[in-house]
Protein backbone atom coordinates (compact mmCIF):
# COMPACT_ATOMS: atom_id res chain seq x y z
CA UNK A 1 -90.38 31.46 -17.58
CA UNK A 2 -87.67 31.36 -20.01
CA UNK A 3 -86.07 34.51 -18.68
CA UNK A 4 -85.95 33.00 -15.13
CA UNK A 5 -84.02 30.06 -16.48
CA UNK A 6 -81.63 32.33 -18.30
CA UNK A 7 -81.06 34.47 -15.37
CA UNK A 8 -80.60 30.89 -13.07
CA UNK A 9 -78.13 30.08 -15.35
CA UNK A 10 -75.94 32.99 -15.27
CA UNK A 11 -75.87 33.43 -11.72
CA UNK A 12 -74.82 29.81 -11.50
CA UNK A 13 -72.27 30.50 -13.97
CA UNK A 14 -70.95 33.64 -11.90
CA UNK A 15 -70.91 31.46 -8.56
CA UNK A 16 -68.72 28.84 -10.54
CA UNK A 17 -66.14 31.21 -11.43
CA UNK A 18 -65.86 32.84 -7.87
CA UNK A 19 -64.72 29.33 -6.33
CA UNK A 20 -61.78 29.16 -8.55
CA UNK A 21 -61.09 32.74 -7.99
CA UNK A 22 -60.69 33.01 -4.46
CA UNK A 23 -58.95 29.56 -4.35
CA UNK A 24 -56.22 31.16 -6.63
CA UNK A 25 -56.22 34.39 -4.34
CA UNK A 26 -55.66 32.34 -1.44
CA UNK A 27 -52.67 30.08 -2.92
CA UNK A 28 -51.02 33.71 -4.11
CA UNK A 29 -51.28 34.59 -0.77
CA UNK A 30 -50.09 31.55 0.92
CA UNK A 31 -47.28 31.08 -1.64
CA UNK A 32 -46.05 34.76 -0.78
CA UNK A 33 -46.04 34.49 2.57
CA UNK A 34 -44.00 31.30 2.32
CA UNK A 35 -41.40 32.98 -0.24
CA UNK A 36 -40.92 35.69 2.52
CA UNK A 37 -40.33 33.45 5.18
CA UNK A 38 -37.96 31.18 3.09
CA UNK A 39 -35.74 34.29 2.46
CA UNK A 40 -35.98 35.76 5.86
CA UNK A 41 -34.78 32.41 7.10
CA UNK A 42 -32.25 32.05 5.08
CA UNK A 43 -33.39 28.98 3.27
CA UNK A 44 -32.95 30.66 -0.41
CA UNK A 45 -29.68 32.31 0.11
CA UNK A 46 -27.09 30.59 -1.71
CA UNK A 47 -23.92 30.25 0.01
CA UNK A 48 -25.33 32.08 3.11
CA UNK A 49 -23.58 31.23 6.62
CA UNK A 50 -25.26 29.39 8.86
CA UNK A 51 -26.71 31.38 11.76
CA UNK A 52 -24.62 30.78 15.37
CA UNK A 53 -26.56 30.00 18.63
CA UNK A 54 -26.52 33.73 19.26
CA UNK A 55 -28.72 34.31 16.46
CA UNK A 56 -26.41 36.07 13.70
CA UNK A 57 -23.12 35.13 11.83
CA UNK A 58 -20.03 36.91 13.26
CA UNK A 59 -18.02 38.97 11.19
CA UNK A 60 -14.57 37.90 9.83
CA UNK A 61 -11.86 38.46 11.87
CA UNK A 62 -9.53 41.57 11.00
CA UNK A 63 -6.25 40.92 9.07
CA UNK A 64 -3.23 42.02 10.28
CA UNK A 65 -3.19 45.74 9.17
CA UNK A 66 -1.90 48.94 9.82
CA UNK A 67 -2.12 52.26 9.18
CA UNK A 68 0.73 54.83 7.74
CA UNK A 69 -0.54 58.62 7.60
CA UNK A 70 0.19 60.61 4.88
CA UNK A 71 1.15 64.13 5.91
CA UNK A 72 -1.22 66.52 4.71
CA UNK A 73 -0.46 68.42 1.32
CA UNK A 74 -1.15 71.80 -0.13
CA UNK A 75 -0.98 71.60 -3.81
CA UNK A 76 -1.35 74.93 -6.02
CA UNK A 77 -3.41 74.02 -8.89
CA UNK A 78 -1.57 76.35 -11.38
CA UNK A 79 -2.07 79.66 -13.44
CA UNK A 80 -5.56 78.63 -14.86
CA UNK A 81 -6.73 77.76 -11.19
CA UNK A 82 -6.58 81.67 -10.29
CA UNK A 83 -4.62 80.74 -6.95
CA UNK A 84 -6.81 78.05 -5.89
CA UNK A 85 -5.31 75.31 -3.83
CA UNK A 86 -6.00 71.74 -3.13
CA UNK A 87 -5.74 70.28 0.40
CA UNK A 88 -5.12 66.70 0.48
CA UNK A 89 -4.67 64.06 3.67
CA UNK A 90 -4.65 60.21 3.48
CA UNK A 91 -3.73 57.06 4.89
CA UNK A 92 -2.00 54.15 3.53
CA UNK A 93 -3.58 50.65 4.34
CA UNK A 94 -0.32 48.33 4.81
CA UNK A 95 0.18 44.92 6.07
CA UNK A 96 1.87 45.44 9.65
CA UNK A 97 4.92 43.76 8.96
CA UNK A 98 5.76 46.24 6.09
CA UNK A 99 4.46 49.67 8.05
CA UNK A 100 7.93 50.43 8.79
CA UNK A 101 9.10 49.96 5.18
CA UNK A 102 6.57 52.38 3.94
CA UNK A 103 6.84 54.99 6.43
CA UNK A 104 10.79 54.87 5.68
CA UNK A 105 9.44 55.52 1.68
CA UNK A 106 7.19 58.57 2.93
CA UNK A 107 9.31 60.83 1.00
CA UNK A 108 8.94 59.11 -2.25
CA UNK A 109 5.21 58.89 -1.07
CA UNK A 110 5.10 62.49 -1.15
CA UNK A 111 6.87 63.28 -4.22
CA UNK A 112 4.86 60.94 -6.06
CA UNK A 113 1.21 62.31 -4.71
CA UNK A 114 2.64 66.23 -5.14
CA UNK A 115 3.80 65.54 -8.68
CA UNK A 116 0.68 63.67 -9.81
CA UNK A 117 -2.10 65.84 -8.30
CA UNK A 118 -0.29 68.89 -9.57
CA UNK A 119 -0.69 67.63 -12.84
CA UNK A 120 -4.14 67.03 -12.83
CA UNK A 121 -6.36 69.62 -14.59
CA UNK A 122 -8.77 71.51 -12.54
CA UNK A 123 -11.78 70.41 -14.32
CA UNK A 124 -10.98 66.88 -13.31
CA UNK A 125 -10.74 67.65 -9.54
CA UNK A 126 -14.17 69.67 -9.81
CA UNK A 127 -16.15 66.47 -10.92
CA UNK A 128 -17.84 64.72 -8.45
CA UNK A 129 -17.23 60.96 -9.96
CA UNK A 130 -13.47 61.65 -10.42
CA UNK A 131 -12.28 61.05 -6.91
CA UNK A 132 -12.75 57.33 -7.72
CA UNK A 133 -10.67 57.63 -10.66
CA UNK A 134 -7.81 59.76 -9.35
CA UNK A 135 -7.94 57.32 -6.07
CA UNK A 136 -7.40 54.59 -8.07
CA UNK A 137 -4.31 56.26 -10.26
CA UNK A 138 -2.86 57.28 -7.04
CA UNK A 139 -2.89 53.79 -5.51
CA UNK A 140 -1.83 52.07 -8.47
CA UNK A 141 1.38 54.66 -8.66
CA UNK A 142 1.98 54.12 -4.65
CA UNK A 143 1.97 50.12 -5.18
CA UNK A 144 4.82 50.30 -7.73
CA UNK A 145 6.76 52.90 -5.74
CA UNK A 146 6.74 51.11 -2.38
CA UNK A 147 6.99 47.66 -4.02
CA UNK A 148 4.20 44.74 -4.64
CA UNK A 149 2.34 43.66 -2.03
CA UNK A 150 3.14 46.64 0.56
CA UNK A 151 -0.01 49.21 0.02
CA UNK A 152 -3.12 47.45 0.10
CA UNK A 153 -5.31 50.74 0.05
CA UNK A 154 -5.67 54.19 0.10
CA UNK A 155 -7.86 56.09 2.20
CA UNK A 156 -8.31 59.49 1.53
CA UNK A 157 -9.16 61.47 4.67
CA UNK A 158 -9.30 64.97 3.45
CA UNK A 159 -10.02 66.51 -0.15
CA UNK A 160 -10.73 70.00 -0.28
CA UNK A 161 -10.75 72.68 -2.94
CA UNK A 162 -10.35 76.08 -1.90
């Protein structure tokens, strides 16, 4: 008889643990779903633009830019490169008001790029992560040569080692 009373007490205790466990699991699922919906609707994104009537926020209007092409360059990489060459082409992003001025300075731009790329070592050119550093170096030099505020960006369109 004592065994039956002990078995009934353990069954009651197990039933008592199920209810809080089920409530906790239900609350966790509801909280997760509520959090997902809040993020999807943009309620938790700080500084997010409100949605327009069409459903999406529109892109910012393009600023007044022009692109000045840099003629393709073929640069010999020196005696250590064993006859290898670098083919380089780019575009300069400039404010449209300064595009004629930058185009007039193209001989200086070409001289700068030729001189800089000729001085770079072959091992630097072969490094996959070097293009970001080379681009930043060339852009800063271009900004100095053309004058502050004239060249916004250097867009490399071709960079081939052969």
